[in-house]
Amino acid sequence: CEAFRAEVERTRYETRVRKAVDDSPAIRELASNPLLLTLMVILSRTQDLPRDRCKLYEKCSELLLRNWDLEKFPELKERRDARDLKDKLGPDQKMRILELVASAMQRERAGLEGNMISEDSLKDIVGRELTVLGIEPACIITDDLIWMLRERNFMLGYMGGRRYAFVHRTFLEYFCSRDLKFRLERTSNLTVEDLRSFFRTHWQWDVWHEVLRLLCGIIGAEHAGKCVSELLEQSRFP
């Protein structure tokens, strides 16, 4: 009621969100999380909600990772390094950093609760990628970016004991799948055959199921078909 004072407007947006939830089991599942539901409502103000999980995660991530908005943070506003970072680091660059963080976290997971990374490991990953992006001095900017991802973008949460986690495991799985896609399409260290082998060795692990499903949704039908064929072949020889 506070967001939409006019009843006609409120009814229109409520109908749009309810329709998306009713029509898509995937969206209905995600809507049970307060943060994701809030993001869906915000997105619905300007567009119909994507029915595809990957596309919805992408839109939610872009929404959270928009500009730094330094005007709201006087402690950063006058600092040159923070202003430079605002100009050089957009949503795409922040997404790449989160992809690397998610990949590292996923590799170290111990069971379904393994959404955790040490502060030292997090700083190391962020600092190295900032250097790759040509942002210096990376050691100073690293702390600012981690603070912003936590306090402004609401992607990471501080868990105590110098450990961080994604605010929702959904983002861990989504960004991990994006990292595999990046490696497949933008580097030479993951070929299609490597990816098939990856599916062959990881499909039996519960912690990788959602990552593999999301990956199939973003790498294109041809590559996804080869990965699915690999799983079908495996199922013939239990």
Protein backbone atom coordinates (compact mmCIF):
# COMPACT_ATOMS: atom_id res chain seq x y z
CA CYS A 1 0.00 0.00 0.00
CA GLU A 2 2.90 2.38 0.75
CA ALA A 3 4.59 1.65 -2.58
CA PHE A 4 1.43 1.92 -4.69
CA ARG A 5 -0.96 4.52 -3.31
CA ALA A 6 -3.40 4.32 -6.25
CA GLU A 7 -5.59 1.23 -5.99
CA VAL A 8 -5.70 0.72 -9.77
CA GLU A 9 -1.92 0.77 -9.97
CA ARG A 10 -1.58 -1.50 -6.95
CA THR A 11 -4.02 -4.01 -8.41
CA ARG A 12 -2.24 -4.07 -11.78
CA TYR A 13 1.17 -4.85 -10.30
CA GLU A 14 -0.23 -7.36 -7.81
CA THR A 15 -1.96 -9.18 -10.66
CA ARG A 16 1.27 -9.28 -12.67
CA VAL A 17 3.24 -10.80 -9.79
CA ARG A 18 0.51 -13.29 -8.85
CA LYS A 19 0.23 -14.44 -12.47
CA ALA A 20 3.98 -15.04 -12.68
CA VAL A 21 3.94 -17.01 -9.43
CA ASP A 22 0.90 -19.06 -10.46
CA ASP A 23 2.20 -19.81 -13.96
CA SER A 24 5.73 -20.87 -13.04
CA PRO A 25 6.62 -23.47 -10.37
CA ALA A 26 10.20 -22.16 -10.41
CA ILE A 27 9.13 -18.59 -9.65
CA ARG A 28 6.66 -19.85 -7.05
CA GLU A 29 9.51 -21.60 -5.25
CA LEU A 30 11.71 -18.50 -5.36
CA ALA A 31 8.89 -16.28 -4.12
CA SER A 32 9.01 -18.05 -0.75
CA ASN A 33 12.22 -16.11 -0.02
CA PRO A 34 11.48 -12.54 1.21
CA LEU A 35 14.48 -10.96 -0.55
CA LEU A 36 13.76 -12.59 -3.90
CA LEU A 37 10.06 -11.82 -3.61
CA THR A 38 10.88 -8.16 -2.97
CA LEU A 39 13.12 -8.09 -6.03
CA MET A 40 10.38 -9.69 -8.12
CA VAL A 41 7.90 -7.03 -7.04
CA ILE A 42 10.37 -4.27 -7.93
CA LEU A 43 11.09 -5.81 -11.32
CA SER A 44 7.38 -6.20 -12.03
CA ARG A 45 6.97 -2.42 -11.96
CA THR A 46 8.68 -2.13 -15.35
CA GLN A 47 8.35 -5.55 -16.98
CA ASP A 48 6.75 -8.96 -16.89
CA LEU A 49 8.75 -11.35 -14.76
CA PRO A 50 10.88 -13.83 -16.74
CA ARG A 51 9.62 -17.40 -16.41
CA ASP A 52 13.14 -18.75 -16.88
CA ARG A 53 15.04 -19.10 -13.59
CA CYS A 54 18.37 -18.03 -15.07
CA LYS A 55 16.92 -14.91 -16.63
CA LEU A 56 15.12 -14.05 -13.39
CA TYR A 57 18.36 -14.46 -11.39
CA GLU A 58 20.12 -12.26 -13.92
CA LYS A 59 17.52 -9.50 -13.60
CA CYS A 60 17.56 -9.71 -9.79
CA SER A 61 21.36 -9.56 -9.74
CA GLU A 62 21.44 -6.56 -12.06
CA LEU A 63 18.92 -4.84 -9.83
CA LEU A 64 21.09 -5.35 -6.74
CA LEU A 65 24.36 -4.48 -8.47
CA ARG A 66 23.43 -1.12 -9.92
CA ASN A 67 25.54 2.00 -9.42
CA TRP A 68 27.38 2.68 -6.20
CA ASP A 69 25.22 5.72 -5.44
CA LEU A 70 27.96 7.42 -3.42
CA GLU A 71 25.62 10.27 -2.47
CA LYS A 72 24.16 7.98 0.19
CA PHE A 73 27.55 7.23 1.73
CA PRO A 74 29.31 10.40 3.00
CA GLU A 75 32.22 8.32 4.31
CA LEU A 76 33.07 7.35 0.71
CA LYS A 77 31.81 10.33 -1.24
CA GLU A 78 34.97 12.47 -1.06
CA ARG A 79 37.46 9.66 -1.60
CA ARG A 80 39.06 9.65 -5.02
CA ASP A 81 39.58 5.87 -5.08
CA ALA A 82 35.88 5.29 -4.39
CA ARG A 83 34.88 7.72 -7.13
CA ASP A 84 37.27 6.05 -9.56
CA LEU A 85 35.86 2.66 -8.67
CA LYS A 86 32.33 3.87 -9.29
CA ASP A 87 33.35 4.89 -12.80
CA LYS A 88 35.30 1.71 -13.61
CA LEU A 89 33.27 -1.01 -11.92
CA GLY A 90 29.76 -1.58 -13.25
CA PRO A 91 27.32 -4.49 -12.78
CA ASP A 92 29.15 -6.69 -15.31
CA GLN A 93 32.48 -6.34 -13.52
CA LYS A 94 30.90 -6.94 -10.12
CA MET A 95 29.14 -10.00 -11.51
CA ARG A 96 32.46 -11.40 -12.69
CA ILE A 97 33.94 -10.93 -9.23
CA LEU A 98 30.96 -12.70 -7.68
CA GLU A 99 31.33 -15.52 -10.22
CA LEU A 100 34.89 -16.09 -9.01
CA VAL A 101 33.82 -15.92 -5.37
CA ALA A 102 30.96 -18.37 -5.95
CA SER A 103 33.20 -20.80 -7.81
CA ALA A 104 35.72 -20.81 -4.97
CA MET A 105 32.97 -21.29 -2.38
CA GLN A 106 31.34 -24.11 -4.35
CA ARG A 107 34.62 -26.00 -4.67
CA GLU A 108 35.14 -25.85 -0.90
CA ARG A 109 31.58 -26.70 0.11
CA ALA A 110 31.02 -29.36 2.75
CA GLY A 111 27.43 -30.39 2.30
CA LEU A 112 24.43 -28.24 1.45
CA GLU A 113 25.29 -25.71 4.16
CA GLY A 114 28.67 -24.83 2.64
CA ASN A 115 27.81 -21.27 1.56
CA MET A 116 30.85 -19.73 3.25
CA ILE A 117 34.22 -18.15 2.48
CA SER A 118 36.93 -16.76 4.73
CA GLU A 119 37.63 -13.04 4.70
CA ASP A 120 41.21 -13.64 3.58
CA SER A 121 40.14 -15.79 0.63
CA LEU A 122 37.47 -13.27 -0.33
CA LYS A 123 39.93 -10.38 -0.25
CA ASP A 124 42.42 -12.34 -2.30
CA ILE A 125 39.87 -13.12 -5.04
CA VAL A 126 38.52 -9.56 -5.16
CA GLY A 127 41.98 -7.98 -5.13
CA ARG A 128 43.28 -10.17 -7.95
CA GLU A 129 40.29 -9.42 -10.19
CA LEU A 130 40.51 -5.69 -9.50
CA THR A 131 44.14 -5.84 -10.63
CA VAL A 132 43.05 -7.65 -13.81
CA LEU A 133 40.54 -4.85 -14.41
CA GLY A 134 43.32 -2.28 -14.01
CA ILE A 135 41.92 -0.78 -10.82
CA GLU A 136 44.69 0.37 -8.50
CA PRO A 137 45.51 0.34 -5.68
CA ALA A 138 43.55 -2.90 -5.50
CA CYS A 139 44.45 -3.54 -1.85
CA ILE A 140 42.66 -0.36 -0.76
CA ILE A 141 39.67 -0.73 -3.08
CA THR A 142 39.11 -4.35 -2.04
CA ASP A 143 37.76 -3.45 1.40
CA ASP A 144 35.47 -0.80 -0.08
CA LEU A 145 34.04 -3.19 -2.64
CA ILE A 146 33.41 -5.95 -0.10
CA TRP A 147 31.72 -3.40 2.15
CA MET A 148 29.56 -2.23 -0.75
CA LEU A 149 28.60 -5.77 -1.81
CA ARG A 150 27.48 -6.31 1.77
CA GLU A 151 25.90 -2.99 2.78
CA ARG A 152 24.67 -1.54 -0.53
CA ASN A 153 24.20 -4.44 -2.96
CA PHE A 154 23.04 -7.01 -0.36
CA MET A 155 24.82 -9.83 -2.17
CA LEU A 156 27.13 -10.90 0.64
CA GLY A 157 26.48 -11.19 4.35
CA TYR A 158 28.98 -11.17 7.20
CA MET A 159 28.58 -14.37 9.22
CA GLY A 160 31.02 -13.59 12.04
CA GLY A 161 34.39 -15.17 12.62
CA ARG A 162 35.80 -13.30 9.58
CA ARG A 163 33.59 -15.30 7.22
CA TYR A 164 31.20 -14.22 4.49
CA ALA A 165 28.34 -15.89 2.63
CA PHE A 166 25.90 -15.08 -0.16
CA VAL A 167 22.67 -13.76 1.33
CA HIS A 168 20.86 -16.62 -0.41
CA ARG A 169 22.32 -19.88 -1.70
CA THR A 170 20.48 -19.24 -4.97
CA PHE A 171 23.05 -16.56 -5.83
CA LEU A 172 25.95 -18.90 -5.00
CA GLU A 173 24.61 -21.50 -7.44
CA TYR A 174 23.72 -18.97 -10.12
CA PHE A 175 27.10 -17.21 -10.11
CA CYS A 176 28.93 -20.55 -10.02
CA SER A 177 27.10 -21.59 -13.20
CA ARG A 178 28.02 -18.24 -14.77
CA ASP A 179 31.69 -18.83 -13.99
CA LEU A 180 31.60 -22.18 -15.80
CA LYS A 181 29.94 -20.48 -18.78
CA PHE A 182 32.61 -17.75 -18.74
CA ARG A 183 35.40 -20.33 -18.71
CA LEU A 184 33.78 -22.26 -21.55
CA GLU A 185 33.16 -19.27 -23.80
CA ARG A 186 35.87 -16.77 -22.88
CA THR A 187 38.92 -18.85 -21.92
CA SER A 188 40.81 -21.90 -23.12
CA ASN A 189 40.82 -23.74 -19.81
CA LEU A 190 37.40 -25.39 -20.24
CA THR A 191 36.51 -27.12 -23.50
CA VAL A 192 33.21 -28.77 -24.41
CA GLU A 193 34.79 -32.15 -23.71
CA ASP A 194 35.99 -30.88 -20.35
CA LEU A 195 32.45 -29.77 -19.62
CA ARG A 196 31.06 -33.18 -20.50
CA SER A 197 33.62 -34.71 -18.18
CA PHE A 198 32.62 -32.20 -15.52
CA PHE A 199 29.00 -33.31 -15.77
CA ARG A 200 30.07 -36.95 -15.67
CA THR A 201 32.01 -36.51 -12.43
CA HIS A 202 29.69 -34.06 -10.63
CA TRP A 203 26.13 -35.13 -11.42
CA GLN A 204 26.05 -37.60 -8.53
CA TRP A 205 26.74 -34.87 -5.94
CA ASP A 206 23.64 -33.15 -4.57
CA VAL A 207 25.46 -29.86 -4.03
CA TRP A 208 26.08 -29.57 -7.78
CA HIS A 209 22.60 -30.44 -9.07
CA GLU A 210 21.22 -26.89 -9.21
CA VAL A 211 24.48 -25.51 -10.62
CA LEU A 212 24.37 -28.02 -13.47
CA ARG A 213 20.70 -27.30 -14.15
CA LEU A 214 21.33 -23.56 -14.29
CA LEU A 215 24.37 -24.08 -16.48
CA CYS A 216 22.30 -25.99 -19.04
CA GLY A 217 19.96 -23.01 -19.17
CA ILE A 218 22.69 -20.49 -20.09
CA ILE A 219 25.19 -22.28 -22.34
CA GLY A 220 22.91 -22.79 -25.32
CA ALA A 221 21.02 -25.78 -26.64
CA GLU A 222 23.95 -27.39 -28.47
CA HIS A 223 26.31 -27.50 -25.49
CA ALA A 224 23.51 -28.33 -23.06
CA GLY A 225 22.41 -31.20 -25.32
CA LYS A 226 25.89 -32.72 -25.21
CA CYS A 227 25.96 -32.49 -21.41
CA VAL A 228 22.52 -34.05 -21.07
CA SER A 229 23.56 -36.82 -23.51
CA GLU A 230 26.50 -37.50 -21.22
CA LEU A 231 24.16 -37.97 -18.27
CA LEU A 232 21.84 -40.21 -20.30
CA GLU A 233 24.82 -42.31 -21.28
CA GLN A 234 25.84 -42.60 -17.65
CA SER A 235 22.35 -43.70 -16.63
CA ARG A 236 22.66 -46.70 -18.94
CA PHE A 237 25.60 -48.02 -16.95
CA PRO A 238 24.81 -47.63 -13.25
